[in-house]
Amino acid sequence: MFKLNIFFVMALIVCALGVVTSQHMVRKLFMALEKEKEIEQKLEVEWGRLQLEQSTLIMHGRIEQIAKGQLGMAVPAASSIQIVSISTAENR
């Protein structure tokens, strides 16, 4: 009977150590999950900022301003603009 009690005590200790180990692992994994969620949130904020920056950079007015200021381009006069349709180009 004494040997059976010793066996059960040892089994109880092994099970307790297993529970403690698994709880420790769960805590570590939860901390890693929270860290990844923080990174995800920061990346979402940066993505929104980049989308806003992109929409600002491709605005028509900004492109026209850069074309006039830096490249010296100007809109041609209406008399010098020719519109070519597809049917006219195919007949030639």
PDB file of N, CA and C in Angstrom:
ATOM      1  N   MET A   1       0.821  -1.190   0.000  1.00  0.00           N
ATOM      2  CA  MET A   1       0.000   0.000   0.000  1.00  0.00           C
ATOM      3  C   MET A   1       0.872   1.265   0.000  1.00  0.00           C
ATOM      4  N   PHE A   2       1.974   1.215   0.717  1.00  0.00           N
ATOM      5  CA  PHE A   2       2.875   2.361   0.804  1.00  0.00           C
ATOM      6  C   PHE A   2       3.480   2.690  -0.571  1.00  0.00           C
ATOM      7  N   LYS A   3       3.829   1.650  -1.318  1.00  0.00           N
ATOM      8  CA  LYS A   3       4.397   1.857  -2.654  1.00  0.00           C
ATOM      9  C   LYS A   3       3.368   2.468  -3.594  1.00  0.00           C
ATOM     10  N   LEU A   4       2.115   2.089  -3.449  1.00  0.00           N
ATOM     11  CA  LEU A   4       1.045   2.644  -4.287  1.00  0.00           C
ATOM     12  C   LEU A   4       0.855   4.134  -3.988  1.00  0.00           C
ATOM     13  N   ASN A   5       0.920   4.490  -2.717  1.00  0.00           N
ATOM     14  CA  ASN A   5       0.802   5.911  -2.332  1.00  0.00           C
ATOM     15  C   ASN A   5       1.961   6.728  -2.893  1.00  0.00           C
ATOM     16  N   ILE A   6       3.167   6.180  -2.819  1.00  0.00           N
ATOM     17  CA  ILE A   6       4.335   6.858  -3.373  1.00  0.00           C
ATOM     18  C   ILE A   6       4.158   7.052  -4.883  1.00  0.00           C
ATOM     19  N   PHE A   7       3.672   6.022  -5.552  1.00  0.00           N
ATOM     20  CA  PHE A   7       3.432   6.108  -6.992  1.00  0.00           C
ATOM     21  C   PHE A   7       2.434   7.218  -7.308  1.00  0.00           C
ATOM     22  N   PHE A   8       1.335   7.308  -6.570  1.00  0.00           N
ATOM     23  CA  PHE A   8       0.321   8.343  -6.802  1.00  0.00           C
ATOM     24  C   PHE A   8       0.866   9.744  -6.505  1.00  0.00           C
ATOM     25  N   VAL A   9       1.694   9.880  -5.486  1.00  0.00           N
ATOM     26  CA  VAL A   9       2.298  11.170  -5.170  1.00  0.00           C
ATOM     27  C   VAL A   9       3.227  11.594  -6.297  1.00  0.00           C
ATOM     28  N   MET A  10       4.008  10.671  -6.816  1.00  0.00           N
ATOM     29  CA  MET A  10       4.905  10.985  -7.928  1.00  0.00           C
ATOM     30  C   MET A  10       4.106  11.358  -9.179  1.00  0.00           C
ATOM     31  N   ALA A  11       3.028  10.619  -9.437  1.00  0.00           N
ATOM     32  CA  ALA A  11       2.178  10.936 -10.588  1.00  0.00           C
ATOM     33  C   ALA A  11       1.551  12.314 -10.416  1.00  0.00           C
ATOM     34  N   LEU A  12       1.145  12.649  -9.198  1.00  0.00           N
ATOM     35  CA  LEU A  12       0.572  13.959  -8.916  1.00  0.00           C
ATOM     36  C   LEU A  12       1.597  15.074  -9.144  1.00  0.00           C
ATOM     37  N   ILE A  13       2.838  14.845  -8.725  1.00  0.00           N
ATOM     38  CA  ILE A  13       3.903  15.833  -8.922  1.00  0.00           C
ATOM     39  C   ILE A  13       4.187  16.022 -10.413  1.00  0.00           C
ATOM     40  N   VAL A  14       4.230  14.932 -11.160  1.00  0.00           N
ATOM     41  CA  VAL A  14       4.476  15.016 -12.605  1.00  0.00           C
ATOM     42  C   VAL A  14       3.342  15.788 -13.286  1.00  0.00           C
ATOM     43  N   CYS A  15       2.100  15.507 -12.908  1.00  0.00           N
ATOM     44  CA  CYS A  15       0.957  16.217 -13.495  1.00  0.00           C
ATOM     45  C   CYS A  15       0.992  17.702 -13.135  1.00  0.00           C
ATOM     46  N   ALA A  16       1.341  18.017 -11.900  1.00  0.00           N
ATOM     47  CA  ALA A  16       1.427  19.414 -11.470  1.00  0.00           C
ATOM     48  C   ALA A  16       2.508  20.154 -12.256  1.00  0.00           C
ATOM     49  N   LEU A  17       3.649  19.504 -12.459  1.00  0.00           N
ATOM     50  CA  LEU A  17       4.707  20.123 -13.253  1.00  0.00           C
ATOM     51  C   LEU A  17       4.267  20.323 -14.699  1.00  0.00           C
ATOM     52  N   GLY A  18       3.508  19.390 -15.217  1.00  0.00           N
ATOM     53  CA  GLY A  18       2.976  19.532 -16.583  1.00  0.00           C
ATOM     54  C   GLY A  18       2.028  20.712 -16.690  1.00  0.00           C
ATOM     55  N   VAL A  19       1.180  20.891 -15.668  1.00  0.00           N
ATOM     56  CA  VAL A  19       0.249  22.026 -15.670  1.00  0.00           C
ATOM     57  C   VAL A  19       1.017  23.345 -15.596  1.00  0.00           C
ATOM     58  N   VAL A  20       1.998  23.412 -14.714  1.00  0.00           N
ATOM     59  CA  VAL A  20       2.789  24.639 -14.573  1.00  0.00           C
ATOM     60  C   VAL A  20       3.528  24.946 -15.871  1.00  0.00           C
ATOM     61  N   THR A  21       4.102  23.945 -16.498  1.00  0.00           N
ATOM     62  CA  THR A  21       4.829  24.144 -17.754  1.00  0.00           C
ATOM     63  C   THR A  21       3.891  24.626 -18.857  1.00  0.00           C
ATOM     64  N   SER A  22       2.719  24.019 -18.947  1.00  0.00           N
ATOM     65  CA  SER A  22       1.783  24.424 -20.001  1.00  0.00           C
ATOM     66  C   SER A  22       1.257  25.839 -19.749  1.00  0.00           C
ATOM     67  N   GLN A  23       1.018  26.209 -18.498  1.00  0.00           N
ATOM     68  CA  GLN A  23       0.572  27.571 -18.205  1.00  0.00           C
ATOM     69  C   GLN A  23       1.654  28.584 -18.553  1.00  0.00           C
ATOM     70  N   HIS A  24       2.890  28.247 -18.264  1.00  0.00           N
ATOM     71  CA  HIS A  24       3.995  29.133 -18.610  1.00  0.00           C
ATOM     72  C   HIS A  24       4.081  29.322 -20.123  1.00  0.00           C
ATOM     73  N   MET A  25       3.928  28.235 -20.866  1.00  0.00           N
ATOM     74  CA  MET A  25       3.974  28.304 -22.324  1.00  0.00           C
ATOM     75  C   MET A  25       2.817  29.142 -22.861  1.00  0.00           C
ATOM     76  N   VAL A  26       1.636  28.986 -22.264  1.00  0.00           N
ATOM     77  CA  VAL A  26       0.472  29.762 -22.700  1.00  0.00           C
ATOM     78  C   VAL A  26       0.713  31.246 -22.460  1.00  0.00           C
ATOM     79  N   ARG A  27       1.283  31.583 -21.329  1.00  0.00           N
ATOM     80  CA  ARG A  27       1.575  32.994 -21.037  1.00  0.00           C
ATOM     81  C   ARG A  27       2.580  33.574 -22.032  1.00  0.00           C
ATOM     82  N   LYS A  28       3.613  32.806 -22.339  1.00  0.00           N
ATOM     83  CA  LYS A  28       4.609  33.275 -23.309  1.00  0.00           C
ATOM     84  C   LYS A  28       3.966  33.479 -24.685  1.00  0.00           C
ATOM     85  N   LEU A  29       3.120  32.539 -25.093  1.00  0.00           N
ATOM     86  CA  LEU A  29       2.460  32.661 -26.386  1.00  0.00           C
ATOM     87  C   LEU A  29       1.487  33.841 -26.409  1.00  0.00           C
ATOM     88  N   PHE A  30       0.799  34.078 -25.295  1.00  0.00           N
ATOM     89  CA  PHE A  30      -0.123  35.204 -25.216  1.00  0.00           C
ATOM     90  C   PHE A  30       0.637  36.521 -25.320  1.00  0.00           C
ATOM     91  N   MET A  31       1.786  36.604 -24.656  1.00  0.00           N
ATOM     92  CA  MET A  31       2.599  37.815 -24.742  1.00  0.00           C
ATOM     93  C   MET A  31       3.084  38.044 -26.172  1.00  0.00           C
ATOM     94  N   ALA A  32       3.473  36.975 -26.856  1.00  0.00           N
ATOM     95  CA  ALA A  32       3.899  37.088 -28.253  1.00  0.00           C
ATOM     96  C   ALA A  32       2.741  37.539 -29.137  1.00  0.00           C
ATOM     97  N   LEU A  33       1.548  37.018 -28.861  1.00  0.00           N
ATOM     98  CA  LEU A  33       0.360  37.413 -29.620  1.00  0.00           C
ATOM     99  C   LEU A  33       0.065  38.896 -29.430  1.00  0.00           C
ATOM    100  N   GLU A  34       0.137  39.387 -28.209  1.00  0.00           N
ATOM    101  CA  GLU A  34      -0.105  40.805 -27.937  1.00  0.00           C
ATOM    102  C   GLU A  34       0.931  41.683 -28.638  1.00  0.00           C
ATOM    103  N   LYS A  35       2.165  41.232 -28.649  1.00  0.00           N
ATOM    104  CA  LYS A  35       3.223  41.988 -29.329  1.00  0.00           C
ATOM    105  C   LYS A  35       2.944  42.063 -30.829  1.00  0.00           C
ATOM    106  N   GLU A  36       2.516  40.956 -31.422  1.00  0.00           N
ATOM    107  CA  GLU A  36       2.193  40.932 -32.848  1.00  0.00           C
ATOM    108  C   GLU A  36       0.981  41.807 -33.155  1.00  0.00           C
ATOM    109  N   LYS A  37       0.017  41.855 -32.241  1.00  0.00           N
ATOM    110  CA  LYS A  37      -1.144  42.731 -32.437  1.00  0.00           C
ATOM    111  C   LYS A  37      -0.722  44.197 -32.426  1.00  0.00           C
ATOM    112  N   GLU A  38       0.212  44.560 -31.560  1.00  0.00           N
ATOM    113  CA  GLU A  38       0.730  45.931 -31.536  1.00  0.00           C
ATOM    114  C   GLU A  38       1.417  46.265 -32.855  1.00  0.00           C
ATOM    115  N   ILE A  39       2.214  45.334 -33.357  1.00  0.00           N
ATOM    116  CA  ILE A  39       2.898  45.546 -34.632  1.00  0.00           C
ATOM    117  C   ILE A  39       1.879  45.699 -35.752  1.00  0.00           C
ATOM    118  N   GLU A  40       0.839  44.865 -35.722  1.00  0.00           N
ATOM    119  CA  GLU A  40      -0.204  44.948 -36.745  1.00  0.00           C
ATOM    120  C   GLU A  40      -0.882  46.307 -36.712  1.00  0.00           C
ATOM    121  N   GLN A  41      -1.178  46.801 -35.520  1.00  0.00           N
ATOM    122  CA  GLN A  41      -1.839  48.098 -35.394  1.00  0.00           C
ATOM    123  C   GLN A  41      -0.936  49.218 -35.921  1.00  0.00           C
ATOM    124  N   LYS A  42       0.358  49.163 -35.599  1.00  0.00           N
ATOM    125  CA  LYS A  42       1.289  50.176 -36.099  1.00  0.00           C
ATOM    126  C   LYS A  42       1.375  50.122 -37.625  1.00  0.00           C
ATOM    127  N   LEU A  43       1.378  48.916 -38.181  1.00  0.00           N
ATOM    128  CA  LEU A  43       1.449  48.781 -39.642  1.00  0.00           C
ATOM    129  C   LEU A  43       0.178  49.300 -40.309  1.00  0.00           C
ATOM    130  N   GLU A  44      -0.978  49.092 -39.682  1.00  0.00           N
ATOM    131  CA  GLU A  44      -2.221  49.614 -40.235  1.00  0.00           C
ATOM    132  C   GLU A  44      -2.221  51.133 -40.236  1.00  0.00           C
ATOM    133  N   VAL A  45      -1.705  51.744 -39.173  1.00  0.00           N
ATOM    134  CA  VAL A  45      -1.609  53.207 -39.121  1.00  0.00           C
ATOM    135  C   VAL A  45      -0.671  53.706 -40.214  1.00  0.00           C
ATOM    136  N   GLU A  46       0.474  53.036 -40.378  1.00  0.00           N
ATOM    137  CA  GLU A  46       1.425  53.433 -41.415  1.00  0.00           C
ATOM    138  C   GLU A  46       0.834  53.251 -42.808  1.00  0.00           C
ATOM    139  N   TRP A  47       0.069  52.178 -43.001  1.00  0.00           N
ATOM    140  CA  TRP A  47      -0.577  51.929 -44.298  1.00  0.00           C
ATOM    141  C   TRP A  47      -1.561  53.054 -44.617  1.00  0.00           C
ATOM    142  N   GLY A  48      -2.348  53.462 -43.640  1.00  0.00           N
ATOM    143  CA  GLY A  48      -3.274  54.570 -43.850  1.00  0.00           C
ATOM    144  C   GLY A  48      -2.544  55.859 -44.177  1.00  0.00           C
ATOM    145  N   ARG A  49      -1.439  56.115 -43.478  1.00  0.00           N
ATOM    146  CA  ARG A  49      -0.649  57.314 -43.751  1.00  0.00           C
ATOM    147  C   ARG A  49      -0.069  57.272 -45.161  1.00  0.00           C
ATOM    148  N   LEU A  50       0.418  56.106 -45.581  1.00  0.00           N
ATOM    149  CA  LEU A  50       0.983  55.974 -46.925  1.00  0.00           C
ATOM    150  C   LEU A  50      -0.080  56.136 -48.007  1.00  0.00           C
ATOM    151  N   GLN A  51      -1.282  55.626 -47.760  1.00  0.00           N
ATOM    152  CA  GLN A  51      -2.362  55.803 -48.729  1.00  0.00           C
ATOM    153  C   GLN A  51      -2.731  57.284 -48.856  1.00  0.00           C
ATOM    154  N   LEU A  52      -2.770  57.988 -47.732  1.00  0.00           N
ATOM    155  CA  LEU A  52      -3.063  59.416 -47.755  1.00  0.00           C
ATOM    156  C   LEU A  52      -1.971  60.174 -48.498  1.00  0.00           C
ATOM    157  N   GLU A  53      -0.727  59.804 -48.237  1.00  0.00           N
ATOM    158  CA  GLU A  53       0.402  60.453 -48.916  1.00  0.00           C
ATOM    159  C   GLU A  53       0.350  60.188 -50.417  1.00  0.00           C
ATOM    160  N   GLN A  54       0.010  58.969 -50.797  1.00  0.00           N
ATOM    161  CA  GLN A  54      -0.075  58.628 -52.219  1.00  0.00           C
ATOM    162  C   GLN A  54      -1.187  59.425 -52.893  1.00  0.00           C
ATOM    163  N   SER A  55      -2.332  59.522 -52.247  1.00  0.00           N
ATOM    164  CA  SER A  55      -3.433  60.268 -52.852  1.00  0.00           C
ATOM    165  C   SER A  55      -3.080  61.749 -52.978  1.00  0.00           C
ATOM    166  N   THR A  56      -2.284  62.266 -52.043  1.00  0.00           N
ATOM    167  CA  THR A  56      -1.838  63.658 -52.129  1.00  0.00           C
ATOM    168  C   THR A  56      -0.863  63.844 -53.280  1.00  0.00           C
ATOM    169  N   LEU A  57       0.047  62.882 -53.456  1.00  0.00           N
ATOM    170  CA  LEU A  57       1.064  63.016 -54.491  1.00  0.00           C
ATOM    171  C   LEU A  57       0.513  62.896 -55.906  1.00  0.00           C
ATOM    172  N   ILE A  58      -0.589  62.177 -56.082  1.00  0.00           N
ATOM    173  CA  ILE A  58      -1.113  61.975 -57.437  1.00  0.00           C
ATOM    174  C   ILE A  58      -2.251  62.927 -57.778  1.00  0.00           C
ATOM    175  N   MET A  59      -2.467  63.929 -56.959  1.00  0.00           N
ATOM    176  CA  MET A  59      -3.521  64.906 -57.266  1.00  0.00           C
ATOM    177  C   MET A  59      -3.154  65.658 -58.540  1.00  0.00           C
ATOM    178  N   HIS A  60      -4.160  65.919 -59.358  1.00  0.00           N
ATOM    179  CA  HIS A  60      -3.954  66.559 -60.659  1.00  0.00           C
ATOM    180  C   HIS A  60      -3.312  67.938 -60.503  1.00  0.00           C
ATOM    181  N   GLY A  61      -3.762  68.702 -59.548  1.00  0.00           N
ATOM    182  CA  GLY A  61      -3.227  70.045 -59.342  1.00  0.00           C
ATOM    183  C   GLY A  61      -1.754  70.030 -58.979  1.00  0.00           C
ATOM    184  N   ARG A  62      -1.360  69.093 -58.178  1.00  0.00           N
ATOM    185  CA  ARG A  62       0.048  68.990 -57.771  1.00  0.00           C
ATOM    186  C   ARG A  62       0.917  68.603 -58.968  1.00  0.00           C
ATOM    187  N   ILE A  63       0.437  67.682 -59.773  1.00  0.00           N
ATOM    188  CA  ILE A  63       1.188  67.258 -60.962  1.00  0.00           C
ATOM    189  C   ILE A  63       1.315  68.432 -61.935  1.00  0.00           C
ATOM    190  N   GLU A  64       0.241  69.181 -62.119  1.00  0.00           N
ATOM    191  CA  GLU A  64       0.284  70.330 -63.019  1.00  0.00           C
ATOM    192  C   GLU A  64       1.240  71.401 -62.492  1.00  0.00           C
ATOM    193  N   GLN A  65       1.241  71.610 -61.173  1.00  0.00           N
ATOM    194  CA  GLN A  65       2.129  72.592 -60.563  1.00  0.00           C
ATOM    195  C   GLN A  65       3.597  72.199 -60.761  1.00  0.00           C
ATOM    196  N   ILE A  66       3.910  70.930 -60.575  1.00  0.00           N
ATOM    197  CA  ILE A  66       5.285  70.461 -60.777  1.00  0.00           C
ATOM    198  C   ILE A  66       5.675  70.573 -62.247  1.00  0.00           C
ATOM    199  N   ALA A  67       4.749  70.241 -63.145  1.00  0.00           N
ATOM    200  CA  ALA A  67       5.049  70.324 -64.582  1.00  0.00           C
ATOM    201  C   ALA A  67       5.343  71.765 -64.982  1.00  0.00           C
ATOM    202  N   LYS A  68       4.595  72.717 -64.446  1.00  0.00           N
ATOM    203  CA  LYS A  68       4.832  74.125 -64.788  1.00  0.00           C
ATOM    204  C   LYS A  68       6.098  74.659 -64.123  1.00  0.00           C
ATOM    205  N   GLY A  69       6.248  74.375 -62.838  1.00  0.00           N
ATOM    206  CA  GLY A  69       7.349  74.965 -62.079  1.00  0.00           C
ATOM    207  C   GLY A  69       8.699  74.342 -62.377  1.00  0.00           C
ATOM    208  N   GLN A  70       8.799  73.039 -62.282  1.00  0.00           N
ATOM    209  CA  GLN A  70      10.099  72.377 -62.412  1.00  0.00           C
ATOM    210  C   GLN A  70      10.460  72.050 -63.855  1.00  0.00           C
ATOM    211  N   LEU A  71       9.463  71.709 -64.657  1.00  0.00           N
ATOM    212  CA  LEU A  71       9.755  71.291 -66.029  1.00  0.00           C
ATOM    213  C   LEU A  71       9.507  72.385 -67.064  1.00  0.00           C
ATOM    214  N   GLY A  72       8.909  73.496 -66.650  1.00  0.00           N
ATOM    215  CA  GLY A  72       8.648  74.599 -67.583  1.00  0.00           C
ATOM    216  C   GLY A  72       7.600  74.258 -68.621  1.00  0.00           C
ATOM    217  N   MET A  73       6.710  73.370 -68.337  1.00  0.00           N
ATOM    218  CA  MET A  73       5.677  72.977 -69.290  1.00  0.00           C
ATOM    219  C   MET A  73       4.491  73.927 -69.177  1.00  0.00           C
ATOM    220  N   ALA A  74       3.729  74.031 -70.251  1.00  0.00           N
ATOM    221  CA  ALA A  74       2.539  74.879 -70.260  1.00  0.00           C
ATOM    222  C   ALA A  74       1.455  74.185 -71.080  1.00  0.00           C
ATOM    223  N   VAL A  75       0.218  74.521 -70.785  1.00  0.00           N
ATOM    224  CA  VAL A  75      -0.910  73.970 -71.537  1.00  0.00           C
ATOM    225  C   VAL A  75      -0.908  74.648 -72.910  1.00  0.00           C
ATOM    226  N   PRO A  76      -0.979  73.885 -74.001  1.00  0.00           N
ATOM    227  CA  PRO A  76      -0.960  74.499 -75.337  1.00  0.00           C
ATOM    228  C   PRO A  76      -2.251  75.275 -75.612  1.00  0.00           C
ATOM    229  N   ALA A  77      -2.172  76.194 -76.525  1.00  0.00           N
ATOM    230  CA  ALA A  77      -3.355  76.966 -76.908  1.00  0.00           C
ATOM    231  C   ALA A  77      -4.363  76.035 -77.582  1.00  0.00           C
ATOM    232  N   ALA A  78      -5.619  76.400 -77.499  1.00  0.00           N
ATOM    233  CA  ALA A  78      -6.675  75.558 -78.062  1.00  0.00           C
ATOM    234  C   ALA A  78      -6.527  75.410 -79.571  1.00  0.00           C
ATOM    235  N   SER A  79      -5.989  76.428 -80.237  1.00  0.00           N
ATOM    236  CA  SER A  79      -5.841  76.355 -81.696  1.00  0.00           C
ATOM    237  C   SER A  79      -4.761  75.362 -82.120  1.00  0.00           C
ATOM    238  N   SER A  80      -3.826  75.061 -81.236  1.00  0.00           N
ATOM    239  CA  SER A  80      -2.748  74.138 -81.606  1.00  0.00           C
ATOM    240  C   SER A  80      -3.027  72.689 -81.190  1.00  0.00           C
ATOM    241  N   ILE A  81      -4.199  72.437 -80.632  1.00  0.00           N
ATOM    242  CA  ILE A  81      -4.556  71.074 -80.216  1.00  0.00           C
ATOM    243  C   ILE A  81      -5.314  70.391 -81.343  1.00  0.00           C
ATOM    244  N   GLN A  82      -4.909  69.205 -81.707  1.00  0.00           N
ATOM    245  CA  GLN A  82      -5.605  68.410 -82.719  1.00  0.00           C
ATOM    246  C   GLN A  82      -6.100  67.129 -82.079  1.00  0.00           C
ATOM    247  N   ILE A  83      -7.349  66.810 -82.322  1.00  0.00           N
ATOM    248  CA  ILE A  83      -7.939  65.592 -81.779  1.00  0.00           C
ATOM    249  C   ILE A  83      -8.027  64.579 -82.912  1.00  0.00           C
ATOM    250  N   VAL A  84      -7.465  63.424 -82.694  1.00  0.00           N
ATOM    251  CA  VAL A  84      -7.448  62.372 -83.704  1.00  0.00           C
ATOM    252  C   VAL A  84      -8.349  61.249 -83.211  1.00  0.00           C
ATOM    253  N   SER A  85      -9.327  60.910 -83.989  1.00  0.00           N
ATOM    254  CA  SER A  85     -10.206  59.804 -83.599  1.00  0.00           C
ATOM    255  C   SER A  85      -9.656  58.501 -84.168  1.00  0.00           C
ATOM    256  N   ILE A  86     -10.127  57.391 -83.651  1.00  0.00           N
ATOM    257  CA  ILE A  86      -9.645  56.085 -84.085  1.00  0.00           C
ATOM    258  C   ILE A  86     -10.029  55.814 -85.534  1.00  0.00           C
ATOM    259  N   SER A  87     -11.229  56.196 -85.920  1.00  0.00           N
ATOM    260  CA  SER A  87     -11.665  55.925 -87.293  1.00  0.00           C
ATOM    261  C   SER A  87     -10.841  56.720 -88.296  1.00  0.00           C
ATOM    262  N   THR A  88     -10.447  57.951 -87.960  1.00  0.00           N
ATOM    263  CA  THR A  88      -9.621  58.749 -88.861  1.00  0.00           C
ATOM    264  C   THR A  88      -8.228  58.150 -88.993  1.00  0.00           C
ATOM    265  N   ALA A  89      -7.687  57.648 -87.910  1.00  0.00           N
ATOM    266  CA  ALA A  89      -6.347  57.059 -87.938  1.00  0.00           C
ATOM    267  C   ALA A  89      -6.330  55.758 -88.736  1.00  0.00           C
ATOM    268  N   GLU A  90      -7.408  54.991 -88.713  1.00  0.00           N
ATOM    269  CA  GLU A  90      -7.449  53.715 -89.429  1.00  0.00           C
ATOM    270  C   GLU A  90      -7.589  53.919 -90.937  1.00  0.00           C
ATOM    271  N   ASN A  91      -8.211  55.009 -91.386  1.00  0.00           N
ATOM    272  CA  ASN A  91      -8.431  55.254 -92.803  1.00  0.00           C
ATOM    273  C   ASN A  91      -7.137  55.659 -93.507  1.00  0.00           C
ATOM    274  N   ARG A  92      -6.162  56.082 -92.809  1.00  0.00           N
ATOM    275  CA  ARG A  92      -4.922  56.546 -93.446  1.00  0.00           C
ATOM    276  C   ARG A  92      -4.051  55.445 -93.849  1.00  0.00           C
TER     277      ARG A  92
END
